[in-house]
């Protein structure tokens, strides 16, 4: 079952890594591998969310999401979107950005380096909002309770995450301005950092608003169809299953695409903390996206979404770490290897914690069953 579900991602991983090593060398091999792992770790919660929604769709819409959706995810968000970011930030056309990456890598690197403060501010704010909204939400299951319980209480304050994000952005921009003034005698880019950070915040709020809109429309559609079904049954009519699935699935599909775009966006932005090479980025994130899609299918087919309950926490802590790293890299360099390994370590820790929790629950259940059997034997005696 596992090999059948993941056979294409495994094949493409082998081919992609071999191509990276052949075309660009072992450094590219390592970066592509780290980006693939990073994308999987950051998007695991995306797979869980997608699987919970995807299982409600009929076979046609599932195939549409897993075929058309994967083209949007890999070609659109992982290849074209990084080019667009570089083109906008460096103020060149998309074709020119690709040409520079291929023919003039030194100049391309210089343009990306100049644009990095804006990219880092934009991406850092977007990722920071994802982390803050997660950490300020009260959840039944908590991984690091000593941190999450007090923060959940603070999260009851309206717009707290937005206020904290704006404060962090203001401090980053002022610090960058002071650093730039001391180093170069001018602080022109501090305004760019501030504007880019605000744009990242606005983008996050817009994506969240669209997701909420589609989710609301979906709930309204479900209620309407449920009412139609009850009326039809009361009148003795047969309700067409295809019509019901079609209307509901349409909003499901739109909602899933918005969600997937938002999760893909944080992966792409996070990748800029590791490398500025758009082709390494596209290859690594594309490989990771294939695993995420296959994982979605696997979770739907297995019907088990709650086996490792702390993985979502680990993924969001990794997002928070990447947000901090991006904001720091506005004026300080951080090793790409360290950046990539932070997410892997957090995900591994959350996975191990989930395994320990599962074993503890199984032991407690076995002990409870043994106690009940002992009590039953004593009662019979």
Protein backbone atom coordinates (compact mmCIF):
# COMPACT_ATOMS: atom_id res chain seq x y z
CA UNK A 1 0.00 0.00 0.00
CA UNK A 2 2.73 2.50 0.99
CA UNK A 3 5.03 1.62 -1.92
CA UNK A 4 2.14 1.77 -4.40
CA UNK A 5 1.06 5.20 -3.14
CA UNK A 6 4.56 6.71 -3.05
CA UNK A 7 6.12 4.97 -6.07
CA UNK A 8 6.05 8.04 -8.35
CA UNK A 9 7.45 10.45 -5.75
CA UNK A 10 10.26 7.95 -5.03
CA UNK A 11 11.10 7.61 -8.72
CA UNK A 12 11.03 11.37 -9.30
CA UNK A 13 13.13 11.95 -6.16
CA UNK A 14 15.85 9.66 -7.47
CA UNK A 15 15.79 11.28 -10.91
CA UNK A 16 15.64 14.82 -9.51
CA UNK A 17 18.52 14.37 -7.07
CA UNK A 18 20.63 12.66 -9.73
CA UNK A 19 19.93 15.55 -12.14
CA UNK A 20 20.82 18.15 -9.49
CA UNK A 21 24.14 16.42 -8.72
CA UNK A 22 24.95 16.04 -12.44
CA UNK A 23 23.95 19.57 -13.46
CA UNK A 24 25.06 21.67 -10.47
CA UNK A 25 27.17 19.46 -8.19
CA UNK A 26 26.89 18.03 -4.68
CA UNK A 27 25.98 21.35 -3.09
CA UNK A 28 22.84 21.44 -5.23
CA UNK A 29 22.16 17.80 -4.33
CA UNK A 30 22.22 18.67 -0.61
CA UNK A 31 20.13 21.83 -0.95
CA UNK A 32 17.48 20.09 -3.09
CA UNK A 33 17.29 17.25 -0.57
CA UNK A 34 16.91 19.70 2.35
CA UNK A 35 14.24 21.67 0.48
CA UNK A 36 12.31 18.46 -0.22
CA UNK A 37 12.37 17.53 3.47
CA UNK A 38 11.49 21.10 4.46
CA UNK A 39 8.48 21.15 2.12
CA UNK A 40 7.23 17.82 3.48
CA UNK A 41 7.65 18.94 7.08
CA UNK A 42 5.99 22.32 6.56
CA UNK A 43 3.13 20.85 4.52
CA UNK A 44 2.31 17.79 6.63
CA UNK A 45 -0.52 19.64 8.31
CA UNK A 46 -1.66 20.67 4.82
CA UNK A 47 -1.89 16.99 3.88
CA UNK A 48 -3.91 16.27 7.01
CA UNK A 49 -6.31 19.14 6.35
CA UNK A 50 -6.62 18.25 2.66
CA UNK A 51 -7.28 14.60 3.47
CA UNK A 52 -10.07 15.51 5.89
CA UNK A 53 -11.78 17.53 3.15
CA UNK A 54 -10.85 15.34 0.19
CA UNK A 55 -12.53 12.26 1.64
CA UNK A 56 -15.88 14.12 1.40
CA UNK A 57 -15.56 14.50 -2.37
CA UNK A 58 -16.59 11.96 -5.00
CA UNK A 59 -14.04 10.12 -7.16
CA UNK A 60 -14.20 12.63 -10.04
CA UNK A 61 -13.38 15.67 -7.91
CA UNK A 62 -10.69 13.75 -6.04
CA UNK A 63 -9.01 12.95 -9.34
CA UNK A 64 -9.37 16.57 -10.44
CA UNK A 65 -7.71 17.82 -7.26
CA UNK A 66 -4.89 15.30 -7.51
CA UNK A 67 -4.23 15.97 -11.23
CA UNK A 68 -5.05 19.60 -11.98
CA UNK A 69 -4.18 20.50 -8.41
CA UNK A 70 -0.70 18.98 -8.61
CA UNK A 71 0.02 20.96 -11.80
CA UNK A 72 -0.95 24.17 -10.01
CA UNK A 73 1.05 23.19 -6.93
CA UNK A 74 4.27 22.16 -8.72
CA UNK A 75 4.35 24.34 -11.84
CA UNK A 76 2.49 27.35 -10.53
CA UNK A 77 3.46 27.78 -6.90
CA UNK A 78 6.88 26.08 -6.86
CA UNK A 79 8.28 27.21 -10.22
CA UNK A 80 6.49 30.33 -11.48
CA UNK A 81 5.86 31.93 -8.11
CA UNK A 82 9.56 32.08 -7.06
CA UNK A 83 10.34 33.63 -10.46
CA UNK A 84 7.60 36.19 -9.88
CA UNK A 85 8.98 37.04 -6.44
CA UNK A 86 12.46 37.60 -7.85
CA UNK A 87 11.11 39.55 -10.83
CA UNK A 88 9.01 41.88 -8.67
CA UNK A 89 11.64 42.32 -5.99
CA UNK A 90 14.47 42.93 -8.44
CA UNK A 91 12.21 44.98 -10.79
CA UNK A 92 12.88 42.88 -13.89
CA UNK A 93 10.56 40.92 -16.15
CA UNK A 94 9.89 37.20 -15.50
CA UNK A 95 11.62 36.20 -18.75
CA UNK A 96 14.59 38.39 -17.85
CA UNK A 97 14.73 36.83 -14.38
CA UNK A 98 14.88 33.32 -15.87
CA UNK A 99 17.47 34.44 -18.47
CA UNK A 100 19.64 35.95 -15.77
CA UNK A 101 19.41 32.78 -13.69
CA UNK A 102 20.56 30.73 -16.71
CA UNK A 103 23.06 33.03 -18.47
CA UNK A 104 24.26 35.51 -15.85
CA UNK A 105 24.17 33.77 -12.48
CA UNK A 106 26.52 36.33 -10.88
CA UNK A 107 24.32 39.28 -11.80
CA UNK A 108 21.20 37.29 -10.87
CA UNK A 109 22.72 36.52 -7.49
CA UNK A 110 23.52 40.20 -7.02
CA UNK A 111 19.93 41.21 -7.85
CA UNK A 112 18.50 38.62 -5.47
CA UNK A 113 20.90 39.70 -2.74
CA UNK A 114 19.82 43.32 -3.17
CA UNK A 115 16.18 42.24 -3.07
CA UNK A 116 16.66 39.90 -0.10
CA UNK A 117 15.63 42.40 2.63
CA UNK A 118 12.26 42.91 0.91
CA UNK A 119 11.80 39.17 0.32
CA UNK A 120 12.77 38.35 3.90
CA UNK A 121 10.42 40.98 5.36
CA UNK A 122 7.52 39.88 3.19
CA UNK A 123 8.02 36.18 3.85
CA UNK A 124 8.95 36.59 7.49
CA UNK A 125 5.70 38.42 8.25
CA UNK A 126 3.59 35.90 6.35
CA UNK A 127 5.17 32.97 8.19
CA UNK A 128 5.06 34.78 11.53
CA UNK A 129 1.29 35.30 11.21
CA UNK A 130 0.77 31.59 10.51
CA UNK A 131 2.75 30.70 13.63
CA UNK A 132 1.11 33.32 15.86
CA UNK A 133 -2.43 32.38 14.84
CA UNK A 134 -1.62 28.76 15.61
CA UNK A 135 0.10 29.33 18.94
CA UNK A 136 -2.59 31.73 20.24
CA UNK A 137 -5.42 29.27 19.52
CA UNK A 138 -6.63 27.12 22.41
CA UNK A 139 -6.42 23.41 21.54
CA UNK A 140 -7.46 20.30 23.39
CA UNK A 141 -4.16 18.61 22.56
CA UNK A 142 -1.02 20.51 23.53
CA UNK A 143 2.55 19.48 22.77
CA UNK A 144 4.55 21.94 24.91
CA UNK A 145 1.87 22.71 27.46
CA UNK A 146 4.03 25.02 29.58
CA UNK A 147 4.27 27.34 26.55
CA UNK A 148 0.95 26.74 24.82
CA UNK A 149 -1.40 27.05 27.81
CA UNK A 150 -0.48 30.66 28.77
CA UNK A 151 -0.28 31.72 25.11
CA UNK A 152 -3.76 30.27 24.47
CA UNK A 153 -5.09 32.49 27.27
CA UNK A 154 -3.39 35.54 25.74
CA UNK A 155 -4.90 34.59 22.39
CA UNK A 156 -8.35 35.59 23.65
CA UNK A 157 -7.31 39.22 23.09
CA UNK A 158 -8.66 40.32 19.70
CA UNK A 159 -6.09 40.97 16.93
CA UNK A 160 -3.18 40.15 19.26
CA UNK A 161 -1.28 38.27 16.55
CA UNK A 162 -1.57 41.22 14.15
CA UNK A 163 -0.37 43.67 16.82
CA UNK A 164 2.62 41.49 17.74
CA UNK A 165 3.52 40.99 14.07
CA UNK A 166 3.43 44.74 13.42
CA UNK A 167 5.60 45.40 16.47
CA UNK A 168 8.13 42.81 15.27
CA UNK A 169 8.10 44.39 11.81
CA UNK A 170 8.61 47.89 13.20
CA UNK A 171 11.53 46.75 15.36
CA UNK A 172 13.07 44.90 12.37
CA UNK A 173 12.74 47.94 10.10
CA UNK A 174 14.18 50.35 12.69
CA UNK A 175 17.05 47.98 13.48
CA UNK A 176 17.77 47.57 9.79
CA UNK A 177 17.66 51.34 9.31
CA UNK A 178 20.16 51.89 12.12
CA UNK A 179 22.42 49.12 10.81
CA UNK A 180 22.26 50.45 7.23
CA UNK A 181 23.00 54.00 8.36
CA UNK A 182 26.06 52.89 10.32
CA UNK A 183 27.32 50.62 7.52
CA UNK A 184 26.58 52.67 4.41
CA UNK A 185 25.52 56.08 5.60
CA UNK A 186 21.92 55.79 4.31
CA UNK A 187 18.80 53.87 5.23
CA UNK A 188 16.73 53.99 2.04
CA UNK A 189 15.85 50.28 2.16
CA UNK A 190 14.29 50.47 5.61
CA UNK A 191 11.12 51.85 3.98
CA UNK A 192 11.18 48.92 1.55
CA UNK A 193 11.49 46.49 4.44
CA UNK A 194 8.54 48.12 6.20
CA UNK A 195 6.35 48.16 3.08
CA UNK A 196 7.25 44.58 2.17
CA UNK A 197 6.43 43.39 5.67
CA UNK A 198 3.04 45.13 5.57
CA UNK A 199 2.41 43.53 2.16
CA UNK A 200 3.18 40.11 3.65
CA UNK A 201 0.74 40.75 6.48
CA UNK A 202 -1.97 41.91 4.05
CA UNK A 203 -1.39 38.86 1.86
CA UNK A 204 -1.83 36.55 4.83
CA UNK A 205 -5.04 38.29 5.89
CA UNK A 206 -6.41 38.12 2.32
CA UNK A 207 -5.62 34.41 1.98
CA UNK A 208 -7.18 33.73 5.36
CA UNK A 209 -10.24 35.77 4.38
CA UNK A 210 -10.67 33.85 1.12
CA UNK A 211 -10.30 30.53 2.90
CA UNK A 212 -12.88 31.58 5.46
CA UNK A 213 -15.21 32.73 2.68
CA UNK A 214 -15.04 29.43 0.83
CA UNK A 215 -15.40 27.51 4.06
CA UNK A 216 -18.54 29.52 4.89
CA UNK A 217 -19.98 28.94 1.43
CA UNK A 218 -19.24 25.25 1.81
CA UNK A 219 -21.09 25.06 5.11
CA UNK A 220 -24.04 26.94 3.60
CA UNK A 221 -24.07 24.53 0.65
CA UNK A 222 -24.01 21.51 2.94
CA UNK A 223 -26.94 22.87 4.96
CA UNK A 224 -28.92 23.66 1.80
CA UNK A 225 -28.33 20.23 0.29
CA UNK A 226 -29.18 18.50 3.54
CA UNK A 227 -32.48 20.40 3.62
CA UNK A 228 -33.20 19.47 -0.02
CA UNK A 229 -32.47 15.83 0.73
CA UNK A 230 -34.87 15.82 3.70
CA UNK A 231 -37.62 17.48 1.64
CA UNK A 232 -37.13 14.99 -1.19
CA UNK A 233 -37.34 12.04 1.16
CA UNK A 234 -40.50 13.46 2.77
CA UNK A 235 -42.10 13.73 -0.69
CA UNK A 236 -40.89 10.29 -1.71
CA UNK A 237 -38.53 11.62 -4.39
CA UNK A 238 -35.04 10.30 -5.12
CA UNK A 239 -32.31 12.93 -4.81
CA UNK A 240 -29.60 12.67 -7.51
CA UNK A 241 -26.33 11.85 -5.77
CA UNK A 242 -24.24 13.34 -8.59
CA UNK A 243 -25.96 16.74 -8.32
CA UNK A 244 -25.38 16.88 -4.58
CA UNK A 245 -21.77 15.83 -4.90
CA UNK A 246 -21.23 18.29 -7.76
CA UNK A 247 -22.41 21.43 -5.95
CA UNK A 248 -20.69 20.58 -2.68
CA UNK A 249 -17.53 19.39 -4.39
CA UNK A 250 -17.21 22.63 -6.39
CA UNK A 251 -16.85 24.72 -3.24
CA UNK A 252 -14.66 22.02 -1.70
CA UNK A 253 -12.38 22.23 -4.71
CA UNK A 254 -12.14 26.03 -4.54
CA UNK A 255 -11.54 25.92 -0.80
CA UNK A 256 -8.84 23.28 -1.18
CA UNK A 257 -7.05 25.29 -3.87
CA UNK A 258 -6.96 28.38 -1.66
CA UNK A 259 -5.72 26.34 1.29
CA UNK A 260 -3.12 24.58 -0.82
CA UNK A 261 -1.91 27.87 -2.27
CA UNK A 262 -1.48 29.34 1.20
CA UNK A 263 0.49 26.34 2.45
CA UNK A 264 2.54 26.26 -0.76
CA UNK A 265 3.27 29.94 -0.27
CA UNK A 266 4.87 29.45 3.13
CA UNK A 267 7.00 26.64 1.71
CA UNK A 268 8.22 28.86 -1.14
CA UNK A 269 8.89 31.80 1.17
CA UNK A 270 10.65 29.53 3.66
CA UNK A 271 12.85 28.23 0.85
CA UNK A 272 14.28 31.72 0.33
CA UNK A 273 15.82 31.34 3.78
CA UNK A 274 17.81 28.39 2.41
CA UNK A 275 18.68 29.33 -1.18
CA UNK A 276 18.10 32.03 -3.82
CA UNK A 277 18.55 29.60 -6.73
CA UNK A 278 15.10 29.36 -8.32
CA UNK A 279 15.76 26.05 -10.08
CA UNK A 280 17.08 24.32 -6.96
CA UNK A 281 14.07 25.76 -5.16
CA UNK A 282 11.56 24.58 -7.77
CA UNK A 283 13.10 21.09 -7.93
CA UNK A 284 13.28 20.60 -4.17
CA UNK A 285 9.84 22.03 -3.40
CA UNK A 286 8.32 20.17 -6.35
CA UNK A 287 9.64 16.85 -5.05
CA UNK A 288 8.30 17.67 -1.60
CA UNK A 289 4.91 18.64 -3.06
CA UNK A 290 4.60 15.24 -4.74
CA UNK A 291 5.12 13.52 -1.38
CA UNK A 292 2.55 15.78 0.27
CA UNK A 293 -0.04 14.95 -2.39
CA UNK A 294 0.71 11.24 -2.13
CA UNK A 295 0.50 11.52 1.65
CA UNK A 296 -2.94 13.11 1.27
CA UNK A 297 -4.09 10.15 -0.82
CA UNK A 298 -2.59 7.70 1.67
CA UNK A 299 -4.34 9.35 4.61
CA UNK A 300 -7.66 9.32 2.76
CA UNK A 301 -7.33 5.66 1.83
CA UNK A 302 -6.19 4.59 5.28
CA UNK A 303 -8.72 6.76 7.10
CA UNK A 304 -6.27 7.56 9.92
CA UNK A 305 -5.50 11.25 10.44
CA UNK A 306 -4.85 11.37 14.17
CA UNK A 307 -2.10 8.82 14.78
CA UNK A 308 0.64 11.39 15.38
CA UNK A 309 -1.10 14.32 17.03
CA UNK A 310 1.96 16.51 17.68
CA UNK A 311 3.20 16.68 14.08
CA UNK A 312 1.01 19.69 13.33
CA UNK A 313 2.53 21.45 16.33
CA UNK A 314 6.06 20.63 15.17
CA UNK A 315 5.31 21.94 11.67
CA UNK A 316 4.04 25.25 13.03
CA UNK A 317 7.01 25.64 15.37
CA UNK A 318 9.20 25.10 12.31
CA UNK A 319 7.26 27.86 10.54
CA UNK A 320 7.86 30.16 13.51
CA UNK A 321 11.57 29.37 13.46
CA UNK A 322 11.76 30.10 9.74
CA UNK A 323 9.93 33.40 10.26
CA UNK A 324 12.49 34.45 12.87
CA UNK A 325 15.37 33.36 10.64
CA UNK A 326 14.05 35.30 7.65
CA UNK A 327 13.66 38.47 9.72
CA UNK A 328 17.17 38.05 11.15
CA UNK A 329 18.64 37.51 7.67
CA UNK A 330 17.46 40.99 6.68
CA UNK A 331 20.81 42.16 8.06
CA UNK A 332 22.71 39.06 9.24
CA UNK A 333 23.73 35.91 7.39
CA UNK A 334 22.72 32.50 8.74
CA UNK A 335 24.03 29.20 7.39
CA UNK A 336 21.62 27.53 4.97
CA UNK A 337 22.32 24.13 6.51
CA UNK A 338 21.32 25.35 9.98
CA UNK A 339 18.17 26.91 8.56
CA UNK A 340 17.16 23.69 6.85
CA UNK A 341 17.91 21.47 9.82
CA UNK A 342 15.83 23.53 12.27
CA UNK A 343 12.58 22.37 10.68
CA UNK A 344 13.74 18.77 10.42
CA UNK A 345 14.71 18.67 14.12
CA UNK A 346 11.38 20.16 15.24
CA UNK A 347 9.36 17.76 13.11
CA UNK A 348 11.41 14.78 14.33
CA UNK A 349 10.91 15.86 17.96
CA UNK A 350 7.15 16.20 17.49
CA UNK A 351 7.00 12.80 15.78
CA UNK A 352 8.89 11.10 18.63
CA UNK A 353 6.64 12.82 21.17
CA UNK A 354 3.61 11.51 19.27
CA UNK A 355 5.02 7.98 19.30
CA UNK A 356 5.66 8.16 23.06
CA UNK A 357 2.13 9.47 23.61
CA UNK A 358 0.64 6.62 21.59
CA UNK A 359 2.63 4.04 23.55
CA UNK A 360 1.57 5.60 26.86
CA UNK A 361 -2.09 5.52 25.80
CA UNK A 362 -1.79 1.89 24.69
CA UNK A 363 -0.15 0.93 28.00
CA UNK A 364 -2.86 2.74 29.98
CA UNK A 365 -5.59 1.04 27.94
CA UNK A 366 -3.99 -2.38 28.43
CA UNK A 367 -3.70 -1.74 32.18
CA UNK A 368 -7.36 -0.69 32.31
CA UNK A 369 -8.46 -3.84 30.47
CA UNK A 370 -6.36 -6.02 32.81
CA UNK A 371 -7.90 -4.31 35.85
CA UNK A 372 -11.40 -4.88 34.50
CA UNK A 373 -10.67 -8.55 33.87
CA UNK A 374 -9.26 -8.98 37.37
CA UNK A 375 -12.33 -7.30 38.85
CA UNK A 376 -14.60 -9.55 36.78
CA UNK A 377 -12.76 -12.69 37.95
CA UNK A 378 -12.99 -11.57 41.59
CA UNK A 379 -16.70 -10.92 41.18
CA UNK A 380 -17.31 -14.38 39.72
CA UNK A 381 -15.38 -15.97 42.59
